[in-house]
Amino acid sequence: MELKKAKIPTMYFIGVSTGDSSSKIIFPRWAETLGILPCELVGIDLKIHDDPRNYRKVVNFIKEDPLSLGALVTTHKMDLMAACRNEFEVIDSVASELGEVSSIYKRDRKLCARATDPECGGLALKNFLTSGYFNETDSELLILGAGGSSLALVWYFLKGEGRKSPPSKIHVINRSQARLDHLINLAEGWGSGEQVVSYHASDPSIADQILNELKPGSLVVNATGLGKDIPGSPITNSALFPEKGIAWDFNYRGNLKFLTQARSQKQTRKITLVDGWDYFVIGWSQVIADIFNIEIPTSGVLYELLSNQAKKYR
């Protein structure tokens, strides 16, 4: 990891395999459209669950370097917050509550942290799900993984706009018990009662079992890095998706094995397939707005222009 003093206004992308991201190609076009040139995007790759000292090194570098304006955080949202909470001078209430950060930016010489996932995930969800879907179908939600994006989705349905039409049951499966405990403790504070059920499972066959028992029309979400940062899937090829269910992969690049598995049942089970592209575009636009202190709407002419520009380089 080499951190060089920025020579022009710079936004960072903190991930695992940032060189493969479409953002490298899309960002210069967006920057021109938004009128924020000259600027550049620089990727910073860290190991999954990296040494806390490396997270602090990155955050303090951004904090001290004048032309380093901020960063978008992907896979490391919870680990970075746990390691760097004391480095931020301003933490928004949702980021503090969830214990995750996706947007790092500066205001009035103060380093700020914000969690954008609840808002952006909800907006992406609306692109393929009607507002009253779960009330109308009495279907369930299965989230594979318990990281920052998973936590944000649970928050959306318990405290956010999604509470108007929540899943009849929210199942969360994860390999780490600590992450599950954190999620369940927060969910109980949000009034989940018995609505959120957790499963500690290192063997994907257990995820298969939960998946096989879901009600028709249920939403299954791959919120792990499997299929993007690491090849593979959190389920096996034997898993059976719910009839008329929806398979949503938060990833949009990589081998996307989870979606391949769902696609094999598309005709027989009438599965709807959704990748993470809209989530990517919405999430990036909102973090860019934070970092460059501009306003980017999540709908309308400007947003459609940015979205169409991105699609050209997908």
Protein backbone atom coordinates (compact mmCIF):
# COMPACT_ATOMS: atom_id res chain seq x y z
CA MET A 1 0.00 0.00 0.00
CA GLU A 2 1.61 3.22 -1.21
CA LEU A 3 -0.04 6.54 -0.36
CA LYS A 4 1.25 9.50 -2.35
CA LYS A 5 0.50 13.13 -1.62
CA ALA A 6 -2.26 14.29 -3.97
CA LYS A 7 -1.33 16.91 -6.58
CA ILE A 8 -4.90 17.67 -7.65
CA PRO A 9 -8.23 17.18 -5.81
CA THR A 10 -8.44 13.42 -5.29
CA MET A 11 -11.15 10.96 -4.33
CA TYR A 12 -10.14 7.50 -3.12
CA PHE A 13 -11.88 4.15 -3.56
CA ILE A 14 -11.12 1.82 -0.64
CA GLY A 15 -11.82 -1.76 -1.65
CA VAL A 16 -10.24 -5.13 -2.33
CA SER A 17 -9.82 -5.25 -6.12
CA THR A 18 -10.40 -1.63 -7.15
CA GLY A 19 -8.50 -1.98 -10.43
CA ASP A 20 -11.32 -4.12 -11.83
CA SER A 21 -14.06 -1.60 -11.01
CA SER A 22 -15.97 0.20 -13.76
CA SER A 23 -15.54 3.36 -11.69
CA LYS A 24 -12.06 3.84 -13.15
CA ILE A 25 -13.56 4.47 -16.58
CA ILE A 26 -16.81 6.10 -15.50
CA PHE A 27 -15.42 8.63 -13.00
CA PRO A 28 -13.66 10.94 -15.54
CA ARG A 29 -16.88 11.20 -17.59
CA TRP A 30 -18.95 11.95 -14.52
CA ALA A 31 -16.40 14.50 -13.31
CA GLU A 32 -16.65 16.35 -16.62
CA THR A 33 -20.47 16.29 -16.54
CA LEU A 34 -20.56 17.49 -12.92
CA GLY A 35 -18.02 20.27 -13.55
CA ILE A 36 -15.58 19.14 -10.85
CA LEU A 37 -12.45 18.78 -13.01
CA PRO A 38 -9.52 18.77 -12.45
CA CYS A 39 -9.71 15.79 -10.11
CA GLU A 40 -8.88 12.10 -10.09
CA LEU A 41 -9.95 8.79 -8.58
CA VAL A 42 -7.34 6.58 -6.90
CA GLY A 43 -7.99 3.03 -5.74
CA ILE A 44 -6.64 1.67 -2.46
CA ASP A 45 -6.70 -2.12 -2.07
CA LEU A 46 -6.78 -3.63 1.41
CA LYS A 47 -7.19 -7.23 2.50
CA ILE A 48 -10.60 -8.35 3.74
CA HIS A 49 -10.64 -7.81 7.55
CA ASP A 50 -7.25 -6.09 7.29
CA ASP A 51 -5.04 -5.01 10.19
CA PRO A 52 -6.75 -2.05 11.97
CA ARG A 53 -3.46 -0.14 11.69
CA ASN A 54 -3.78 -0.16 7.89
CA TYR A 55 -7.28 1.33 8.07
CA ARG A 56 -6.01 4.07 10.38
CA LYS A 57 -3.04 4.72 8.11
CA VAL A 58 -5.34 5.32 5.13
CA VAL A 59 -7.84 7.46 7.03
CA ASN A 60 -5.16 9.61 8.65
CA PHE A 61 -3.46 10.11 5.29
CA ILE A 62 -6.72 11.43 3.82
CA LYS A 63 -7.28 13.54 6.91
CA GLU A 64 -3.86 15.23 6.75
CA ASP A 65 -3.38 15.61 2.99
CA PRO A 66 -5.04 18.87 1.78
CA LEU A 67 -5.93 17.70 -1.74
CA SER A 68 -7.15 14.28 -0.62
CA LEU A 69 -10.84 15.11 -0.34
CA GLY A 70 -12.35 11.83 0.82
CA ALA A 71 -13.13 8.24 -0.07
CA LEU A 72 -15.81 5.73 -0.96
CA VAL A 73 -15.58 2.54 1.12
CA THR A 74 -16.92 -0.80 -0.08
CA THR A 75 -16.01 -4.15 1.50
CA HIS A 76 -14.35 -2.58 4.57
CA LYS A 77 -17.25 -0.45 5.85
CA MET A 78 -17.55 -2.02 9.31
CA ASP A 79 -13.89 -2.88 9.85
CA LEU A 80 -12.81 0.64 8.92
CA MET A 81 -15.33 2.23 11.25
CA ALA A 82 -14.30 -0.04 14.13
CA ALA A 83 -10.64 0.86 13.61
CA CYS A 84 -11.06 4.59 12.89
CA ARG A 85 -14.06 5.83 14.85
CA ASN A 86 -11.84 8.14 16.90
CA GLU A 87 -10.24 9.59 13.76
CA PHE A 88 -13.50 11.15 12.56
CA GLU A 89 -14.60 14.49 13.95
CA VAL A 90 -18.16 14.20 12.60
CA ILE A 91 -20.08 10.91 12.32
CA ASP A 92 -23.64 10.95 11.05
CA SER A 93 -26.25 9.32 13.28
CA VAL A 94 -26.92 6.33 11.00
CA ALA A 95 -23.20 5.57 10.58
CA SER A 96 -22.76 5.75 14.34
CA GLU A 97 -25.76 3.51 14.96
CA LEU A 98 -24.84 0.92 12.33
CA GLY A 99 -21.10 1.01 13.03
CA GLU A 100 -20.22 1.37 9.35
CA VAL A 101 -18.98 4.05 6.98
CA SER A 102 -19.29 4.18 3.20
CA SER A 103 -18.57 7.88 2.63
CA ILE A 104 -15.53 9.75 4.02
CA TYR A 105 -15.38 13.47 3.27
CA LYS A 106 -14.30 16.84 4.68
CA ARG A 107 -16.37 19.83 5.80
CA ASP A 108 -14.98 22.95 7.44
CA ARG A 109 -11.63 21.19 7.94
CA LYS A 110 -13.30 18.32 9.76
CA LEU A 111 -13.18 14.67 8.67
CA CYS A 112 -16.71 13.26 8.37
CA ALA A 113 -18.15 9.76 8.12
CA ARG A 114 -21.54 8.87 6.64
CA ALA A 115 -23.42 5.63 5.98
CA THR A 116 -25.12 5.92 2.59
CA ASP A 117 -26.23 2.29 2.22
CA PRO A 118 -29.70 2.54 3.85
CA GLU A 119 -30.74 5.34 1.50
CA CYS A 120 -28.99 4.01 -1.62
CA GLY A 121 -30.03 0.40 -1.06
CA GLY A 122 -33.63 1.48 -0.66
CA LEU A 123 -33.50 3.49 -3.89
CA ALA A 124 -31.99 0.55 -5.78
CA LEU A 125 -34.69 -1.73 -4.36
CA LYS A 126 -37.42 0.51 -5.75
CA ASN A 127 -36.09 -0.07 -9.25
CA PHE A 128 -37.35 -3.67 -9.26
CA LEU A 129 -39.79 -3.98 -6.34
CA THR A 130 -43.16 -2.25 -5.92
CA SER A 131 -43.62 -0.24 -2.72
CA GLY A 132 -46.18 -2.66 -1.26
CA TYR A 133 -44.56 -5.87 -2.50
CA PHE A 134 -44.10 -7.68 0.82
CA ASN A 135 -47.53 -6.71 2.14
CA GLU A 136 -49.10 -8.04 -1.05
CA THR A 137 -47.15 -11.31 -1.19
CA ASP A 138 -46.47 -12.10 2.51
CA SER A 139 -43.04 -13.22 1.30
CA GLU A 140 -39.73 -13.28 3.15
CA LEU A 141 -36.21 -11.86 2.85
CA LEU A 142 -33.02 -13.92 3.05
CA ILE A 143 -29.76 -11.97 3.37
CA LEU A 144 -26.57 -13.95 2.80
CA GLY A 145 -23.91 -12.08 4.80
CA ALA A 146 -24.01 -9.73 7.79
CA GLY A 147 -21.70 -6.89 6.79
CA GLY A 148 -22.48 -3.20 6.44
CA SER A 149 -24.76 -3.55 3.39
CA SER A 150 -26.75 -6.31 5.10
CA LEU A 151 -27.14 -4.25 8.24
CA ALA A 152 -28.30 -1.28 6.19
CA LEU A 153 -30.96 -3.39 4.45
CA VAL A 154 -32.31 -4.62 7.80
CA TRP A 155 -32.38 -1.00 9.02
CA TYR A 156 -34.30 0.02 5.89
CA PHE A 157 -37.07 -2.47 6.59
CA LEU A 158 -37.26 -1.87 10.34
CA LYS A 159 -36.65 1.88 10.62
CA GLY A 160 -36.51 3.28 7.10
CA GLU A 161 -39.07 3.68 4.35
CA GLY A 162 -39.31 -0.11 3.91
CA ARG A 163 -41.06 -0.48 7.26
CA LYS A 164 -44.32 0.41 5.45
CA SER A 165 -44.18 -2.95 3.67
CA PRO A 166 -41.66 -5.20 5.47
CA PRO A 167 -40.92 -8.88 4.75
CA SER A 168 -42.91 -11.31 6.92
CA LYS A 169 -39.55 -12.67 8.11
CA ILE A 170 -35.94 -11.52 7.63
CA HIS A 171 -33.39 -14.35 7.67
CA VAL A 172 -29.69 -13.46 7.96
CA ILE A 173 -26.93 -16.03 7.48
CA ASN A 174 -23.25 -15.34 8.17
CA ARG A 175 -19.99 -17.16 8.88
CA SER A 176 -19.00 -14.80 11.70
CA GLN A 177 -20.99 -14.99 14.95
CA ALA A 178 -19.74 -11.57 16.08
CA ARG A 179 -21.23 -9.85 13.01
CA LEU A 180 -24.54 -11.65 13.56
CA ASP A 181 -24.64 -10.68 17.24
CA HIS A 182 -24.06 -7.03 16.29
CA LEU A 183 -26.86 -7.13 13.73
CA ILE A 184 -29.36 -8.87 16.02
CA ASN A 185 -28.62 -6.54 18.95
CA LEU A 186 -29.32 -3.54 16.75
CA ALA A 187 -32.41 -5.13 15.20
CA GLU A 188 -33.87 -5.81 18.64
CA GLY A 189 -33.34 -2.16 19.50
CA TRP A 190 -35.26 -1.27 16.35
CA GLY A 191 -38.21 -3.35 17.51
CA SER A 192 -37.72 -6.44 15.36
CA GLY A 193 -39.18 -8.86 17.89
CA GLU A 194 -39.06 -12.26 16.18
CA GLN A 195 -39.05 -10.78 12.69
CA VAL A 196 -35.26 -11.08 12.22
CA VAL A 197 -33.77 -14.56 12.56
CA SER A 198 -30.01 -15.21 12.42
CA TYR A 199 -28.06 -18.33 11.49
CA HIS A 200 -24.36 -18.90 12.18
CA ALA A 201 -23.28 -21.09 9.29
CA SER A 202 -19.84 -21.69 7.83
CA ASP A 203 -21.17 -24.48 5.58
CA PRO A 204 -23.16 -23.23 2.55
CA SER A 205 -25.41 -26.29 2.78
CA ILE A 206 -27.08 -24.63 5.78
CA ALA A 207 -27.84 -21.59 3.61
CA ASP A 208 -29.31 -24.00 1.06
CA GLN A 209 -31.66 -25.40 3.68
CA ILE A 210 -32.99 -21.96 4.68
CA LEU A 211 -33.30 -20.96 1.02
CA ASN A 212 -35.25 -24.11 0.18
CA GLU A 213 -37.86 -23.34 2.85
CA LEU A 214 -38.64 -19.73 1.86
CA LYS A 215 -42.15 -18.73 0.89
CA PRO A 216 -42.95 -18.15 -2.81
CA GLY A 217 -42.01 -14.69 -4.04
CA SER A 218 -39.25 -14.21 -1.44
CA LEU A 219 -36.23 -12.00 -2.02
CA VAL A 220 -32.77 -13.62 -1.72
CA VAL A 221 -29.79 -11.25 -1.45
CA ASN A 222 -26.12 -12.05 -1.88
CA ALA A 223 -24.54 -9.41 0.36
CA THR A 224 -21.18 -11.19 0.55
CA GLY A 225 -18.07 -10.53 -1.51
CA LEU A 226 -18.34 -14.02 -2.99
CA GLY A 227 -18.56 -13.71 -6.74
CA LYS A 228 -16.67 -10.41 -6.79
CA ASP A 229 -13.72 -10.09 -4.41
CA ILE A 230 -13.51 -13.88 -4.01
CA PRO A 231 -14.74 -16.44 -6.58
CA GLY A 232 -17.69 -18.54 -5.52
CA SER A 233 -21.15 -18.26 -3.98
CA PRO A 234 -22.63 -18.43 -0.47
CA ILE A 235 -24.94 -21.27 -1.62
CA THR A 236 -24.34 -24.55 -3.45
CA ASN A 237 -25.65 -25.67 -6.83
CA SER A 238 -28.20 -27.82 -4.98
CA ALA A 239 -30.03 -24.79 -3.52
CA LEU A 240 -33.61 -24.30 -4.67
CA PHE A 241 -34.80 -20.71 -5.10
CA PRO A 242 -38.39 -19.89 -4.07
CA GLU A 243 -41.08 -20.05 -6.75
CA LYS A 244 -41.45 -16.60 -8.38
CA GLY A 245 -38.63 -15.38 -6.14
CA ILE A 246 -36.11 -12.61 -6.72
CA ALA A 247 -32.32 -13.13 -6.65
CA TRP A 248 -30.49 -9.87 -5.97
CA ASP A 249 -26.70 -9.86 -6.04
CA PHE A 250 -25.14 -6.72 -4.55
CA ASN A 251 -22.15 -7.42 -6.81
CA TYR A 252 -22.15 -6.31 -10.44
CA ARG A 253 -18.73 -7.60 -11.53
CA GLY A 254 -16.74 -10.78 -11.07
CA ASN A 255 -17.88 -14.31 -11.87
CA LEU A 256 -21.28 -13.65 -10.17
CA LYS A 257 -21.78 -17.34 -9.48
CA PHE A 258 -24.81 -16.63 -7.26
CA LEU A 259 -26.67 -15.13 -10.22
CA THR A 260 -25.51 -17.97 -12.46
CA GLN A 261 -27.06 -20.42 -10.00
CA ALA A 262 -30.30 -18.43 -9.96
CA ARG A 263 -30.29 -18.15 -13.76
CA SER A 264 -30.26 -21.95 -14.06
CA GLN A 265 -33.69 -21.91 -12.34
CA LYS A 266 -35.04 -18.81 -14.07
CA GLN A 267 -37.47 -20.68 -16.31
CA THR A 268 -38.49 -23.55 -14.04
CA ARG A 269 -38.91 -21.43 -10.88
CA LYS A 270 -39.79 -18.12 -12.62
CA ILE A 271 -36.91 -16.29 -10.90
CA THR A 272 -36.24 -12.57 -11.39
CA LEU A 273 -32.51 -11.75 -11.58
CA VAL A 274 -31.09 -8.42 -10.37
CA ASP A 275 -27.40 -7.52 -10.14
CA GLY A 276 -25.79 -4.66 -8.21
CA TRP A 277 -25.45 -2.17 -11.06
CA ASP A 278 -28.12 0.32 -9.95
CA TYR A 279 -26.85 0.05 -6.36
CA PHE A 280 -23.37 0.85 -7.68
CA VAL A 281 -24.47 3.92 -9.68
CA ILE A 282 -26.68 5.35 -6.92
CA GLY A 283 -24.10 4.70 -4.19
CA TRP A 284 -21.21 6.23 -6.12
CA SER A 285 -23.13 9.34 -7.13
CA GLN A 286 -24.09 10.10 -3.52
CA VAL A 287 -20.54 9.66 -2.20
CA ILE A 288 -19.17 11.87 -4.99
CA ALA A 289 -21.73 14.47 -3.90
CA ASP A 290 -20.42 14.28 -0.33
CA ILE A 291 -16.75 14.47 -1.27
CA PHE A 292 -17.02 17.35 -3.76
CA ASN A 293 -19.73 19.14 -1.75
CA ILE A 294 -22.22 19.25 -4.59
CA GLU A 295 -25.81 18.07 -4.96
CA ILE A 296 -26.56 15.08 -7.18
CA PRO A 297 -30.25 14.09 -7.35
CA THR A 298 -31.25 10.41 -7.28
CA SER A 299 -33.80 10.91 -10.05
CA GLY A 300 -34.48 13.34 -12.87
CA VAL A 301 -32.51 14.60 -15.85
CA LEU A 302 -29.04 14.81 -14.29
CA TYR A 303 -29.27 11.42 -12.61
CA GLU A 304 -30.49 9.78 -15.84
CA LEU A 305 -27.59 11.38 -17.72
CA LEU A 306 -25.05 10.00 -15.23
CA SER A 307 -26.72 6.58 -15.28
CA ASN A 308 -26.69 6.42 -19.08
CA GLN A 309 -23.04 7.51 -19.18
CA ALA A 310 -22.18 4.69 -16.78
CA LYS A 311 -24.06 2.06 -18.81
CA LYS A 312 -21.88 2.80 -21.84
CA TYR A 313 -18.79 1.63 -19.95
CA ARG A 314 -20.31 -1.25 -18.03
